[in-house]
């Protein structure tokens, strides 16, 4: 049995759908990537995607298309994307089995 590239919780799917609907123009989905940032080294990026890139991995989660940048695949494999909202903050949360540690503020991680 193979490990899924990425799974999304129902809460994350609903939030992505709301963001796509509020964008004001048609979108293919969202793209997740990784960039160098913070004290631990890596940070997740999210952006609207108008088209799929030739090497993007595509995850279809309840009708929402999530593209994964090819440079991020090895860092994201097996992760779960959730959306949390409380009195002080809101945002997407990644539970990543590949992470070896996070910085104290939660902005970045390392594998």
Protein backbone atom coordinates (compact mmCIF):
# COMPACT_ATOMS: atom_id res chain seq x y z
CA UNK A 1 0.00 0.00 0.00
CA UNK A 2 1.50 3.34 -0.99
CA UNK A 3 1.60 6.43 1.20
CA UNK A 4 -0.76 9.18 0.00
CA UNK A 5 1.06 12.30 -1.16
CA UNK A 6 -1.15 14.59 0.94
CA UNK A 7 -4.48 14.33 2.68
CA UNK A 8 -6.79 17.20 3.62
CA UNK A 9 -9.23 17.33 6.49
CA UNK A 10 -12.82 18.33 5.80
CA UNK A 11 -12.13 21.68 7.51
CA UNK A 12 -9.17 22.36 5.20
CA UNK A 13 -11.21 21.46 2.11
CA UNK A 14 -14.00 23.85 3.13
CA UNK A 15 -11.52 26.68 3.72
CA UNK A 16 -9.78 26.11 0.37
CA UNK A 17 -13.18 26.08 -1.38
CA UNK A 18 -14.09 29.38 0.31
CA UNK A 19 -10.79 30.96 -0.71
CA UNK A 20 -11.17 29.81 -4.31
CA UNK A 21 -14.75 31.12 -4.48
CA UNK A 22 -13.76 34.50 -3.04
CA UNK A 23 -10.86 34.96 -5.47
CA UNK A 24 -13.09 36.53 -8.10
CA UNK A 25 -11.79 34.54 -11.06
CA UNK A 26 -11.68 30.89 -12.05
CA UNK A 27 -8.84 28.88 -10.51
CA UNK A 28 -7.57 25.38 -11.12
CA UNK A 29 -6.84 24.97 -7.40
CA UNK A 30 -4.06 25.80 -4.97
CA UNK A 31 -0.34 25.02 -5.14
CA UNK A 32 1.71 24.00 -2.12
CA UNK A 33 5.45 24.51 -2.10
CA UNK A 34 8.41 24.76 0.22
CA UNK A 35 10.88 27.63 0.57
CA UNK A 36 13.89 28.37 2.72
CA UNK A 37 12.79 30.51 5.65
CA UNK A 38 13.05 30.91 9.38
CA UNK A 39 15.39 29.53 11.98
CA UNK A 40 14.66 25.85 11.20
CA UNK A 41 15.14 26.20 7.46
CA UNK A 42 11.91 25.41 5.57
CA UNK A 43 8.43 26.88 5.36
CA UNK A 44 5.26 25.91 3.50
CA UNK A 45 3.92 28.19 0.76
CA UNK A 46 0.36 28.31 -0.58
CA UNK A 47 -0.79 30.16 -3.68
CA UNK A 48 -3.66 30.12 -6.14
CA UNK A 49 -3.00 28.03 -9.24
CA UNK A 50 -4.52 28.94 -12.58
CA UNK A 51 -3.05 25.92 -14.37
CA UNK A 52 -1.18 22.77 -13.41
CA UNK A 53 2.55 22.80 -14.09
CA UNK A 54 3.99 19.96 -16.17
CA UNK A 55 5.67 18.32 -13.15
CA UNK A 56 3.19 19.22 -10.39
CA UNK A 57 1.71 16.33 -8.41
CA UNK A 58 -2.08 16.67 -8.23
CA UNK A 59 -4.18 15.65 -5.25
CA UNK A 60 -7.95 15.73 -5.65
CA UNK A 61 -9.54 16.13 -2.23
CA UNK A 62 -13.35 16.18 -2.32
CA UNK A 63 -13.34 18.13 -5.59
CA UNK A 64 -10.57 20.54 -4.57
CA UNK A 65 -7.42 20.34 -6.67
CA UNK A 66 -4.19 20.70 -4.69
CA UNK A 67 -1.01 20.91 -6.72
CA UNK A 68 2.31 20.06 -5.11
CA UNK A 69 5.40 21.73 -6.49
CA UNK A 70 7.86 19.06 -7.66
CA UNK A 71 10.59 20.51 -5.42
CA UNK A 72 8.34 20.01 -2.38
CA UNK A 73 7.23 16.41 -2.99
CA UNK A 74 9.92 14.74 -0.88
CA UNK A 75 9.23 17.11 2.03
CA UNK A 76 5.42 16.74 1.95
CA UNK A 77 4.93 13.02 1.26
CA UNK A 78 2.44 11.57 3.75
CA UNK A 79 1.42 14.92 5.28
CA UNK A 80 -2.03 16.03 6.38
CA UNK A 81 -3.28 19.58 5.82
CA UNK A 82 -5.81 20.96 8.29
CA UNK A 83 -7.30 24.39 8.98
CA UNK A 84 -7.56 25.75 12.52
CA UNK A 85 -9.25 28.90 13.73
CA UNK A 86 -9.36 30.27 17.27
CA UNK A 87 -9.67 33.63 19.01
CA UNK A 88 -6.09 34.68 18.29
CA UNK A 89 -5.18 33.08 14.97
CA UNK A 90 -6.26 31.10 11.96
CA UNK A 91 -4.38 29.19 9.31
CA UNK A 92 -3.49 25.96 7.62
CA UNK A 93 -1.65 23.44 9.77
CA UNK A 94 0.52 20.67 8.35
CA UNK A 95 1.08 17.43 10.22
CA UNK A 96 4.18 16.13 8.49
CA UNK A 97 5.73 12.75 9.38
CA UNK A 98 8.97 13.85 7.69
CA UNK A 99 9.60 16.74 10.09
CA UNK A 100 12.46 16.26 12.51
CA UNK A 101 11.83 19.54 14.34
CA UNK A 102 10.21 22.99 14.32
CA UNK A 103 11.34 26.40 15.43
CA UNK A 104 9.84 27.83 18.62
CA UNK A 105 7.45 30.18 16.81
CA UNK A 106 6.18 27.47 14.45
CA UNK A 107 7.11 29.39 11.28
CA UNK A 108 9.58 26.84 9.94
CA UNK A 109 10.63 23.20 10.16
CA UNK A 110 13.45 20.89 9.16
CA UNK A 111 13.61 17.32 7.88
